[in-house]
Structures are given as structure tokens and as C-alpha cells.
Protein backbone atom coordinates (compact mmCIF):
# COMPACT_ATOMS: atom_id res chain seq x y z
CA UNK A 1 -39.46 19.90 -9.02
CA UNK A 2 -36.57 19.59 -11.44
CA UNK A 3 -37.20 18.13 -14.81
CA UNK A 4 -34.72 15.65 -16.35
CA UNK A 5 -34.03 17.91 -19.33
CA UNK A 6 -33.06 20.94 -17.20
CA UNK A 7 -29.37 21.71 -16.73
CA UNK A 8 -29.57 21.71 -12.91
CA UNK A 9 -30.74 18.12 -12.96
CA UNK A 10 -27.28 16.89 -14.04
CA UNK A 11 -25.01 19.09 -11.93
CA UNK A 12 -23.77 17.49 -8.69
CA UNK A 13 -23.23 19.97 -5.88
CA UNK A 14 -20.62 19.01 -3.25
CA UNK A 15 -21.47 19.53 0.39
CA UNK A 16 -19.58 22.06 2.47
CA UNK A 17 -17.69 19.23 4.18
CA UNK A 18 -16.57 17.85 0.81
CA UNK A 19 -15.38 21.28 -0.30
CA UNK A 20 -13.49 21.70 2.98
CA UNK A 21 -11.60 18.41 2.61
CA UNK A 22 -10.82 19.09 -1.04
CA UNK A 23 -9.15 22.38 -0.12
CA UNK A 24 -7.58 21.45 3.26
CA UNK A 25 -3.84 20.95 2.54
CA UNK A 26 -2.96 18.75 5.58
CA UNK A 27 -5.73 16.33 4.63
CA UNK A 28 -4.44 16.25 1.04
CA UNK A 29 -0.94 15.39 2.30
CA UNK A 30 -2.32 12.55 4.42
CA UNK A 31 -4.31 11.20 1.47
CA UNK A 32 -1.27 11.49 -0.79
CA UNK A 33 0.88 9.48 1.64
CA UNK A 34 -1.85 6.87 2.12
CA UNK A 35 -2.31 6.36 -1.62
CA UNK A 36 1.46 6.11 -2.18
CA UNK A 37 1.83 3.49 0.57
CA UNK A 38 -1.07 1.56 -0.90
CA UNK A 39 0.54 1.63 -4.36
CA UNK A 40 3.90 0.55 -2.93
CA UNK A 41 2.20 -2.40 -1.22
CA UNK A 42 0.45 -3.40 -4.46
CA UNK A 43 3.73 -3.21 -6.39
CA UNK A 44 5.54 -5.24 -3.73
CA UNK A 45 2.87 -7.96 -3.85
CA UNK A 46 2.99 -7.98 -7.65
CA UNK A 47 6.76 -8.29 -7.75
CA UNK A 48 7.31 -10.66 -4.84
CA UNK A 49 4.03 -12.37 -4.01
CA UNK A 50 2.24 -12.18 -0.68
CA UNK A 51 5.31 -13.05 1.38
CA UNK A 52 8.85 -12.37 0.24
CA UNK A 53 10.49 -15.64 -0.76
CA UNK A 54 13.66 -16.05 1.21
CA UNK A 55 15.71 -19.20 1.36
CA UNK A 56 16.77 -20.12 4.83
CA UNK A 57 20.12 -21.86 4.90
CA UNK A 58 20.82 -23.83 8.03
CA UNK A 59 24.35 -24.82 8.98
CA UNK A 60 25.34 -28.41 8.28
CA UNK A 61 25.12 -30.64 11.33
CA UNK A 62 28.58 -31.24 12.73
CA UNK A 63 29.77 -34.16 14.75
CA UNK A 64 31.72 -34.10 18.00
CA UNK A 65 35.09 -34.30 16.19
CA UNK A 66 34.35 -31.55 13.66
CA UNK A 67 36.68 -28.99 15.21
CA UNK A 68 39.69 -31.34 15.47
CA UNK A 69 42.18 -31.37 12.62
CA UNK A 70 42.35 -34.54 10.57
CA UNK A 71 45.34 -36.77 11.37
């Protein structure tokens, strides 16, 4: 049994799966892209709010005689 004052008590040892994913380059690229997309989303929300605010301009209603020149 380890004692709390021994050095081995404080050292975390990663599993073989953890070591594999820390050294597997394709997985690191995927994680890098995921974190960057997540940061971009956070920045977008911080700058623009949940939904981008866009003003929708509708055309003015025109009557039947709108296309005729004034006489």
C-alpha cells in the first residue's frame, strides 16, 4: 500500500489509450479543428448575440397606378 508521503502517491500515470491519443497526429488535428470551431462560435456569439441581428426591409406597398407616370 502506498503511503501519502511517498513520491509515487502523487504521480498520475496515463493509461495506454491516453498515451496513444496524445501521440496520434490525426486525432490531434481533429481536436485542433474542433477547438477552433468552438472558439469561433463563442466569439461570434459574443460579438453578435445568439442570432445575428439583420434588419429586413420590405418594399413599400404600391397601388395599382404606381407604374403609370404622373400627369
